[in-house]
N, C-alpha and C. Protein backbone atom coordinates (compact mmCIF):
# COMPACT_ATOMS: atom_id res chain seq x y z
N MET A 1 8.88 88.70 53.93
CA MET A 1 10.37 88.73 53.89
C MET A 1 11.17 87.26 54.76
N GLU A 2 11.64 86.72 54.39
CA GLU A 2 12.71 86.23 55.35
C GLU A 2 13.94 87.12 55.33
N ILE A 3 14.60 86.92 56.81
CA ILE A 3 15.53 87.14 57.54
C ILE A 3 16.39 87.16 56.51
N ASN A 4 17.10 86.29 56.34
CA ASN A 4 18.34 85.80 55.17
C ASN A 4 18.12 86.82 53.70
N GLU A 5 17.46 87.04 53.38
CA GLU A 5 16.98 87.69 52.71
C GLU A 5 17.15 89.31 52.34
N MET A 6 17.05 89.36 53.45
CA MET A 6 16.98 90.69 54.05
C MET A 6 18.35 91.54 54.57
N ASN A 7 18.41 93.02 53.49
CA ASN A 7 20.10 93.47 54.07
C ASN A 7 19.92 93.64 55.37
N VAL A 8 21.23 94.90 55.50
CA VAL A 8 21.32 95.11 56.70
C VAL A 8 20.64 96.30 57.21
N PHE A 9 20.03 96.98 56.13
CA PHE A 9 19.05 98.67 56.52
C PHE A 9 17.85 97.88 56.50
N GLU A 10 17.40 96.76 56.02
CA GLU A 10 16.00 96.35 56.67
C GLU A 10 15.81 95.51 57.99
N ILE A 11 17.02 95.09 58.14
CA ILE A 11 16.89 94.27 59.50
C ILE A 11 17.03 95.10 60.23
N ASN A 12 17.71 96.43 60.36
CA ASN A 12 17.50 97.65 61.33
C ASN A 12 16.36 98.04 61.36
N ALA A 13 15.68 98.32 60.51
CA ALA A 13 14.58 98.67 60.41
C ALA A 13 13.18 98.06 61.03
N GLU A 14 13.84 96.57 61.11
CA GLU A 14 12.76 95.79 61.52
C GLU A 14 13.07 95.56 63.08
N ILE A 15 14.18 95.59 63.09
CA ILE A 15 14.86 95.51 65.09
C ILE A 15 13.74 96.49 65.18
N LEU A 16 14.12 98.19 64.95
CA LEU A 16 13.36 98.82 65.54
C LEU A 16 12.36 98.70 65.70
N ALA A 17 11.02 98.15 64.75
CA ALA A 17 9.56 98.03 64.58
C ALA A 17 9.61 97.00 65.76
N ALA A 18 10.32 95.96 65.44
CA ALA A 18 10.23 94.76 66.75
C ALA A 18 9.95 95.42 68.17
N ILE A 19 11.36 96.25 68.50
CA ILE A 19 11.51 96.74 69.51
C ILE A 19 10.33 97.66 69.95
N ASN A 20 9.56 98.33 68.90
CA ASN A 20 8.84 99.26 69.12
C ASN A 20 7.34 98.62 69.71
N ALA A 21 7.48 97.45 68.98
CA ALA A 21 6.66 96.65 69.38
C ALA A 21 6.18 96.03 70.47
N TYR A 22 7.65 95.85 71.15
CA TYR A 22 8.08 95.08 72.58
C TYR A 22 7.31 96.17 73.58
N GLU A 23 8.12 97.13 73.49
CA GLU A 23 7.36 98.50 74.47
C GLU A 23 5.88 98.55 74.31
N GLN A 24 5.56 98.35 73.41
CA GLN A 24 4.04 98.54 73.64
C GLN A 24 3.04 97.61 73.75
N GLY A 25 3.75 96.67 74.38
CA GLY A 25 3.05 95.03 75.31
C GLY A 25 3.13 93.84 73.98
N VAL A 26 3.67 93.57 73.12
CA VAL A 26 3.52 92.53 71.95
C VAL A 26 4.57 91.83 72.55
N GLU A 27 4.74 90.38 72.83
CA GLU A 27 5.36 89.39 73.10
C GLU A 27 5.36 88.82 72.33
N GLU A 28 5.16 88.33 70.96
CA GLU A 28 4.65 87.88 70.21
C GLU A 28 5.22 88.38 68.78
N ALA A 29 5.96 87.43 67.76
CA ALA A 29 5.83 87.92 66.46
C ALA A 29 5.63 87.00 65.76
N VAL A 30 4.51 87.01 64.34
CA VAL A 30 4.08 85.80 63.59
C VAL A 30 4.96 85.70 62.38
N ASN A 31 5.36 85.11 61.82
CA ASN A 31 5.88 84.58 60.47
C ASN A 31 4.98 84.77 59.66
N GLU A 32 5.07 85.96 58.42
CA GLU A 32 4.21 85.78 58.28
C GLU A 32 3.95 85.06 56.63
N GLU A 33 4.96 84.15 56.32
CA GLU A 33 5.01 83.21 55.56
C GLU A 33 4.77 82.13 55.87
N THR A 34 4.95 81.74 56.91
CA THR A 34 5.33 80.36 57.69
C THR A 34 3.56 80.13 58.57
N GLY A 35 3.42 81.44 58.85
CA GLY A 35 2.06 81.39 60.19
C GLY A 35 3.07 80.64 61.18
N GLU A 36 4.25 80.75 61.65
CA GLU A 36 4.91 80.51 62.82
C GLU A 36 4.51 81.97 63.65
N VAL A 37 4.71 80.74 64.85
CA VAL A 37 4.44 82.15 66.37
C VAL A 37 5.58 81.94 67.29
N VAL A 38 6.24 83.14 67.32
CA VAL A 38 7.78 83.47 67.51
C VAL A 38 7.39 84.41 68.68
N PRO A 39 8.17 84.20 70.07
CA PRO A 39 8.74 85.15 70.90
C PRO A 39 9.30 86.10 70.14
N LEU A 40 8.76 87.67 70.65
CA LEU A 40 9.40 88.58 70.05
C LEU A 40 10.75 88.48 70.34
N LYS A 41 11.00 88.26 71.78
CA LYS A 41 12.41 88.68 71.79
C LYS A 41 13.33 87.23 71.08
N ASP A 42 12.88 86.56 71.27
CA ASP A 42 13.75 85.50 70.06
C ASP A 42 13.93 85.97 68.98
N TYR A 43 12.87 86.52 68.78
CA TYR A 43 12.41 87.04 67.11
C TYR A 43 14.24 88.23 66.51
N ILE A 44 14.09 89.17 67.64
CA ILE A 44 14.60 90.50 67.52
C ILE A 44 16.39 89.87 68.24
N ASP A 45 16.59 88.70 68.73
CA ASP A 45 17.95 88.07 68.36
C ASP A 45 18.14 87.95 67.31
N LYS A 46 17.55 86.79 67.05
CA LYS A 46 17.47 86.63 65.82
C LYS A 46 17.64 87.08 64.36
N LEU A 47 16.86 88.76 64.50
CA LEU A 47 17.25 89.67 63.61
C LEU A 47 18.73 89.81 64.42
N GLU A 48 19.35 90.38 65.34
CA GLU A 48 20.58 90.81 65.77
C GLU A 48 21.62 89.81 64.74
N CYS A 49 21.44 88.61 65.03
CA CYS A 49 22.94 87.53 64.65
C CYS A 49 22.58 87.77 63.43
N SER A 50 21.85 87.52 62.50
CA SER A 50 21.55 87.75 61.01
C SER A 50 21.74 88.83 60.54
N LYS A 51 21.96 90.37 61.38
CA LYS A 51 22.41 91.75 61.10
C LYS A 51 24.32 91.38 61.10
N ASN A 52 24.57 90.53 62.73
CA ASN A 52 26.14 90.46 62.87
C ASN A 52 26.58 89.56 62.02
N GLU A 53 25.89 88.69 61.24
CA GLU A 53 26.42 87.61 60.29
C GLU A 53 27.10 88.71 58.89
N LYS A 54 25.71 88.91 58.82
CA LYS A 54 25.97 90.30 57.20
C LYS A 54 26.78 91.05 57.91
N ILE A 55 27.26 92.33 58.62
CA ILE A 55 28.39 92.78 58.73
C ILE A 55 29.42 91.67 58.65
N ASN A 56 29.62 90.83 59.49
CA ASN A 56 30.85 90.10 59.35
C ASN A 56 31.32 89.75 57.91
N ASN A 57 30.41 89.28 56.90
CA ASN A 57 30.49 88.91 55.91
C ASN A 57 31.20 89.96 54.98
N VAL A 58 30.45 91.26 55.09
CA VAL A 58 30.83 92.22 54.44
C VAL A 58 32.10 92.87 54.66
N THR A 59 32.58 92.47 56.12
CA THR A 59 33.97 93.37 56.75
C THR A 59 35.10 92.26 56.10
N LEU A 60 34.70 90.80 56.23
CA LEU A 60 36.20 90.16 55.56
C LEU A 60 36.03 89.74 53.92
N PHE A 61 34.97 90.25 53.29
CA PHE A 61 35.10 90.46 51.80
C PHE A 61 35.57 91.69 51.88
N VAL A 62 35.38 93.10 52.68
CA VAL A 62 36.98 94.24 52.13
C VAL A 62 37.78 93.57 52.76
N LYS A 63 38.35 93.04 53.85
CA LYS A 63 39.23 92.82 54.30
C LYS A 63 40.06 91.40 53.19
N ASN A 64 39.26 90.77 52.38
CA ASN A 64 39.87 90.07 51.14
C ASN A 64 40.39 90.87 50.10
N ARG A 65 39.61 91.92 49.70
CA ARG A 65 39.73 92.69 49.08
C ARG A 65 41.01 93.75 48.96
N GLU A 66 41.34 93.87 50.68
CA GLU A 66 42.50 94.63 50.45
C GLU A 66 43.83 93.92 50.58
N ALA A 67 43.81 92.58 51.07
CA ALA A 67 44.86 91.73 51.16
C ALA A 67 45.53 91.20 49.40
N MET A 68 44.25 91.23 48.81
CA MET A 68 44.13 91.19 47.02
C MET A 68 45.03 92.31 46.28
N ILE A 69 44.67 93.74 46.96
CA ILE A 69 45.11 95.12 46.25
C ILE A 69 46.51 94.73 46.64
N GLU A 70 46.86 94.71 48.39
CA GLU A 70 48.68 94.56 48.32
C GLU A 70 49.44 93.31 47.78
N ALA A 71 48.77 92.29 47.46
CA ALA A 71 49.31 91.59 46.54
C ALA A 71 49.38 91.59 45.40
N ILE A 72 48.54 92.45 44.46
CA ILE A 72 48.55 93.29 43.33
C ILE A 72 49.41 94.23 43.50
N LYS A 73 49.92 94.90 44.73
CA LYS A 73 50.93 96.19 44.51
C LYS A 73 52.38 95.20 44.97
N ASN A 74 52.21 94.13 45.52
CA ASN A 74 53.39 93.23 45.41
C ASN A 74 54.22 92.97 44.26
N GLN A 75 53.07 92.52 43.60
CA GLN A 75 53.46 91.81 41.91
C GLN A 75 54.07 93.16 41.16
N VAL A 76 53.04 94.18 41.06
CA VAL A 76 53.25 95.61 40.25
C VAL A 76 54.82 95.73 40.99
N LYS A 77 55.56 96.01 41.95
CA LYS A 77 56.44 96.34 42.56
C LYS A 77 57.44 95.23 41.94
N LYS A 78 57.46 94.10 41.81
CA LYS A 78 57.96 93.08 41.08
C LYS A 78 58.03 93.10 39.65
N LEU A 79 57.06 93.10 39.05
CA LEU A 79 56.85 93.69 37.75
C LEU A 79 57.77 95.05 37.03
N GLU A 80 57.92 95.95 38.52
CA GLU A 80 58.80 97.45 37.67
C GLU A 80 60.02 97.44 38.28
N GLU A 81 60.25 96.59 39.00
CA GLU A 81 61.99 95.76 39.32
C GLU A 81 62.42 95.33 38.08
N ARG A 82 61.83 94.39 37.32
CA ARG A 82 61.98 93.63 36.05
C ARG A 82 61.81 94.15 35.36
N ILE A 83 61.27 95.47 35.53
CA ILE A 83 61.27 96.66 34.11
C ILE A 83 62.68 96.93 34.07
N LYS A 84 63.02 97.60 34.85
CA LYS A 84 64.33 98.39 35.67
C LYS A 84 65.48 97.31 35.34
N ARG A 85 65.61 96.23 35.77
CA ARG A 85 66.43 94.93 35.53
C ARG A 85 66.46 95.13 33.54
N GLU A 86 65.01 94.98 32.78
CA GLU A 86 65.36 94.71 31.59
C GLU A 86 65.65 95.70 30.90
N THR A 87 65.83 97.11 31.43
CA THR A 87 65.89 98.63 30.64
C THR A 87 67.83 98.43 30.97
N LYS A 88 67.84 98.76 32.07
CA LYS A 88 69.18 98.47 32.17
C LYS A 88 69.87 97.16 31.36
N ARG A 89 69.79 96.14 31.19
CA ARG A 89 70.09 95.32 30.09
C ARG A 89 69.90 95.97 28.53
N ILE A 90 69.19 96.31 28.48
CA ILE A 90 69.01 96.68 26.90
C ILE A 90 70.11 98.56 26.70
N ALA A 91 70.26 99.21 27.82
CA ALA A 91 71.64 100.16 27.92
C ALA A 91 72.60 99.52 27.67
N ASP A 92 72.72 98.68 28.49
CA ASP A 92 74.17 97.98 28.43
C ASP A 92 74.31 97.26 26.77
N ALA A 93 73.39 96.79 26.23
CA ALA A 93 73.35 95.87 25.20
C ALA A 93 73.40 96.99 24.19
N GLU A 94 72.86 98.49 23.88
CA GLU A 94 73.08 99.30 23.46
C GLU A 94 75.12 99.86 23.39
N ASN A 95 74.42 100.24 24.84
CA ASN A 95 76.30 100.51 25.23
C ASN A 95 77.07 99.39 24.03
N TYR A 96 77.19 97.97 24.11
CA TYR A 96 77.91 97.50 23.54
C TYR A 96 78.14 97.49 21.97
N ILE A 97 76.69 98.19 21.59
CA ILE A 97 76.54 98.13 20.23
C ILE A 97 77.31 99.51 19.85
N ARG A 98 77.29 100.16 20.46
CA ARG A 98 78.00 101.59 20.07
C ARG A 98 79.31 101.23 19.87
N MET A 99 80.16 100.86 21.03
CA MET A 99 81.32 100.23 21.37
C MET A 99 81.57 99.71 20.33
N ALA A 100 80.84 98.71 19.74
CA ALA A 100 81.49 97.74 18.92
C ALA A 100 81.37 98.01 17.32
N THR A 101 80.53 99.15 17.36
CA THR A 101 80.33 99.70 15.68
C THR A 101 81.12 101.15 15.58
N GLU A 102 81.97 101.16 17.01
CA GLU A 102 82.60 102.83 16.87
C GLU A 102 81.48 103.35 16.04
N GLU A 103 80.88 103.76 16.53
CA GLU A 103 79.22 104.76 15.97
C GLU A 103 79.20 105.14 14.67
N ASN A 104 79.77 103.88 13.88
CA ASN A 104 79.95 103.76 12.64
C ASN A 104 78.07 103.37 12.02
N ASN A 105 77.64 103.56 10.82
CA ASN A 105 76.32 103.20 10.41
C ASN A 105 76.70 101.36 10.27
N TYR A 106 75.77 100.45 10.61
CA TYR A 106 76.20 99.34 10.55
C TYR A 106 74.56 98.51 9.97
N GLU A 107 74.70 97.48 8.67
CA GLU A 107 73.43 96.90 8.28
C GLU A 107 73.55 95.59 8.02
N ASP A 108 72.55 94.86 9.04
CA ASP A 108 72.73 93.39 9.06
C ASP A 108 72.79 93.12 7.44
N ARG A 109 73.57 91.73 6.97
CA ARG A 109 73.70 91.45 6.08
C ARG A 109 72.08 90.69 5.34
N GLU A 110 71.37 90.19 6.44
CA GLU A 110 70.15 89.70 6.12
C GLU A 110 69.01 90.57 6.07
N GLY A 111 69.54 92.10 6.24
CA GLY A 111 68.09 92.59 6.12
C GLY A 111 67.11 92.77 7.41
N ARG A 112 67.62 92.44 8.12
CA ARG A 112 66.78 92.59 9.91
C ARG A 112 66.71 93.79 10.02
N PHE A 113 67.63 94.74 10.31
CA PHE A 113 68.02 95.82 10.96
C PHE A 113 68.95 96.27 10.86
N ALA A 114 68.88 97.69 10.76
CA ALA A 114 69.88 98.75 10.32
C ALA A 114 70.35 99.69 11.75
N ILE A 115 71.77 100.20 11.91
CA ILE A 115 71.89 100.87 12.97
C ILE A 115 72.84 102.13 12.35
N THR A 116 72.00 102.97 12.83
CA THR A 116 72.61 104.68 11.98
C THR A 116 72.59 105.53 13.43
N PHE A 117 73.84 106.59 13.53
CA PHE A 117 74.12 107.22 14.34
C PHE A 117 73.65 108.63 13.64
N LYS A 118 73.23 109.74 14.86
CA LYS A 118 72.99 111.34 14.28
C LYS A 118 73.32 111.55 15.13
N LYS A 119 73.75 112.82 15.18
CA LYS A 119 73.59 113.60 16.43
C LYS A 119 72.59 114.72 16.78
N ASN A 120 72.46 114.45 18.02
CA ASN A 120 71.20 115.13 18.46
C ASN A 120 71.80 117.01 18.02
N PRO A 121 70.71 117.60 19.18
CA PRO A 121 71.06 119.00 18.79
C PRO A 121 71.62 119.44 20.44
N PRO A 122 72.47 120.10 20.48
CA PRO A 122 73.26 120.31 22.14
C PRO A 122 72.23 120.55 22.96
N SER A 123 72.43 120.20 24.31
CA SER A 123 71.68 120.08 25.03
C SER A 123 72.07 120.73 26.50
N VAL A 124 71.71 121.42 27.51
CA VAL A 124 72.33 121.89 28.73
C VAL A 124 72.38 120.55 29.51
N GLN A 125 73.51 120.55 30.18
CA GLN A 125 73.65 119.49 31.34
C GLN A 125 73.93 120.38 32.69
N ILE A 126 73.33 119.89 33.94
CA ILE A 126 73.83 120.84 35.02
C ILE A 126 74.00 119.85 35.62
N GLN A 127 75.42 119.55 36.28
CA GLN A 127 75.45 118.90 37.12
C GLN A 127 75.57 118.80 38.47
N LYS A 128 74.81 118.15 39.15
CA LYS A 128 74.72 118.44 40.83
C LYS A 128 75.86 118.96 41.54
N GLY A 129 75.32 120.11 42.57
CA GLY A 129 76.05 121.18 42.89
C GLY A 129 76.66 122.06 42.71
N ALA A 130 76.22 122.48 40.92
CA ALA A 130 77.02 123.56 40.03
C ALA A 130 76.20 124.48 40.48
N VAL A 131 77.01 125.75 40.43
CA VAL A 131 76.10 127.22 41.04
C VAL A 131 76.09 127.81 39.76
N VAL A 132 74.45 128.13 39.01
CA VAL A 132 74.28 128.56 37.79
C VAL A 132 74.07 129.87 38.53
N PRO A 133 74.51 130.81 37.41
CA PRO A 133 74.49 132.56 38.06
C PRO A 133 72.98 132.72 37.59
N ALA A 134 72.92 134.05 38.38
CA ALA A 134 71.56 134.24 38.78
C ALA A 134 71.17 135.10 37.81
N GLU A 135 71.97 135.23 36.81
CA GLU A 135 70.91 136.27 35.53
C GLU A 135 70.70 135.03 34.46
N TYR A 136 70.93 133.59 34.87
CA TYR A 136 70.40 132.58 34.06
C TYR A 136 69.60 131.21 34.66
N MET A 137 68.82 132.05 36.13
CA MET A 137 67.95 131.48 36.54
C MET A 137 66.57 132.40 36.51
N ARG A 138 65.36 131.73 35.95
CA ARG A 138 64.22 131.66 36.38
C ARG A 138 62.88 131.50 37.11
N THR A 139 62.08 132.57 37.42
CA THR A 139 61.06 132.03 38.65
C THR A 139 59.74 131.68 38.17
N LYS A 140 59.72 130.73 38.51
CA LYS A 140 58.29 129.86 38.45
C LYS A 140 57.35 130.09 39.76
N THR A 141 55.88 130.71 39.38
CA THR A 141 55.48 131.04 40.10
C THR A 141 53.93 130.45 40.17
N THR A 142 53.77 130.02 41.30
CA THR A 142 52.28 129.04 41.38
C THR A 142 51.49 129.33 42.34
N THR A 143 50.04 129.62 42.43
CA THR A 143 49.29 130.16 43.19
C THR A 143 48.24 128.90 43.40
N GLU A 144 47.73 128.77 44.73
CA GLU A 144 46.86 127.60 45.39
C GLU A 144 46.60 128.06 46.26
N PRO A 145 45.49 127.86 46.98
CA PRO A 145 44.13 128.10 48.12
C PRO A 145 45.45 127.58 49.71
N ASP A 146 45.66 128.44 50.44
CA ASP A 146 46.14 127.96 51.73
C ASP A 146 45.16 127.61 52.51
N LYS A 147 44.86 126.10 52.73
CA LYS A 147 44.36 125.29 53.47
C LYS A 147 43.89 125.52 54.73
N LYS A 148 45.07 125.87 55.46
CA LYS A 148 45.19 126.02 56.52
C LYS A 148 44.94 127.53 57.25
N LYS A 149 44.94 128.33 56.58
CA LYS A 149 44.12 129.53 56.48
C LYS A 149 42.57 129.83 56.51
N LEU A 150 42.05 128.88 55.55
CA LEU A 150 40.54 128.82 55.16
C LEU A 150 40.42 128.17 56.21
N LYS A 151 40.75 127.02 56.64
CA LYS A 151 40.15 126.63 57.42
C LYS A 151 40.19 127.34 58.91
N ALA A 152 41.42 127.95 59.03
CA ALA A 152 40.98 128.79 60.67
C ALA A 152 40.19 129.69 60.69
N ALA A 153 40.01 130.73 59.40
CA ALA A 153 39.02 131.53 58.96
C ALA A 153 37.20 130.89 58.90
N LEU A 154 37.07 129.17 58.78
CA LEU A 154 36.14 128.82 58.74
C LEU A 154 35.39 128.84 60.56
N GLN A 155 36.54 128.16 61.30
CA GLN A 155 36.27 128.18 62.40
C GLN A 155 36.13 129.17 63.15
N ASP A 156 36.62 129.94 62.67
CA ASP A 156 36.49 131.71 63.27
C ASP A 156 35.15 132.29 63.14
N GLY A 157 34.29 131.48 61.67
CA GLY A 157 33.09 132.06 61.58
C GLY A 157 32.50 132.50 60.04
N LYS A 158 33.77 132.74 59.63
CA LYS A 158 33.41 133.36 58.37
C LYS A 158 32.87 132.35 57.34
N LYS A 159 32.76 133.04 56.58
CA LYS A 159 31.90 132.23 55.04
C LYS A 159 32.53 132.74 53.90
N PHE A 160 32.30 131.61 52.64
CA PHE A 160 33.07 131.66 51.73
C PHE A 160 32.06 131.05 50.93
N ASN A 161 31.80 131.55 49.96
CA ASN A 161 30.90 130.51 48.72
C ASN A 161 31.57 129.89 48.04
N GLY A 162 31.18 128.25 48.25
CA GLY A 162 31.72 126.98 47.82
C GLY A 162 32.76 126.55 48.51
N ILE A 163 33.15 127.45 49.46
CA ILE A 163 34.02 126.68 50.49
C ILE A 163 33.21 126.16 51.83
N SER A 164 33.91 124.53 52.26
CA SER A 164 32.94 124.48 54.01
C SER A 164 33.94 123.71 54.55
N LEU A 165 33.95 123.58 56.16
CA LEU A 165 34.69 122.21 56.81
C LEU A 165 34.19 121.56 56.41
N VAL A 166 34.60 119.98 56.40
CA VAL A 166 34.36 118.88 56.34
C VAL A 166 35.19 117.80 57.03
N GLN A 167 34.10 116.48 57.86
CA GLN A 167 34.91 116.48 58.57
C GLN A 167 35.07 114.73 58.31
N ALA A 168 35.89 113.88 57.41
CA ALA A 168 35.23 112.50 57.27
C ALA A 168 35.69 111.63 58.36
N ILE A 169 34.90 110.36 58.36
CA ILE A 169 34.63 109.57 59.76
C ILE A 169 35.76 108.50 58.55
N ASN A 170 36.49 108.28 59.55
CA ASN A 170 37.41 106.73 58.60
C ASN A 170 37.51 105.55 59.63
N MET A 171 37.28 104.37 58.72
CA MET A 171 36.64 103.65 59.12
C MET A 171 38.20 102.65 59.48
N ILE A 172 38.72 101.44 60.10
CA ILE A 172 39.29 100.71 60.56
C ILE A 172 39.14 99.46 60.25
N ILE A 173 39.76 98.96 59.60
CA ILE A 173 39.12 97.15 59.83
C ILE A 173 40.77 96.56 59.96
N LYS A 174 40.80 95.50 60.97
CA LYS A 174 42.10 94.97 61.51
C LYS A 174 41.82 93.63 61.06
């Protein structure tokens, strides 16, 4: 198999095999497809270069995708801002209609639309800073694992079924 057809894992395996052969006194490698004889050190260097090139290409691919994601996020942000502006325009137009019709039903003479008003059931509105009497308060209770305590217990050697410590390794591409 040609070096340019190998993936990084195959190149790593080939490098290890070449290094092992070199340590056993082999000084030349033979290209099985062309029959060319090459010094083993040159072959290892060629493998290393190919490996580095593949890693570089994949890293640049990742950076490109990250840049694309950032561009998409920026577009989403702009679209969300546009949605807010358009929603406000609609609310302003609806308020204008409400004031213009004085909350009386209205029907277009050409039958394109009809505006009707109906009262919704009363709802409670609590203003910011309002004090609600204790008798009108309710308590919501949630239960969730305390991961800090679990971590400390696991580090102290305690065992729990289905719970373990894991340590991820972050990769940073700049």
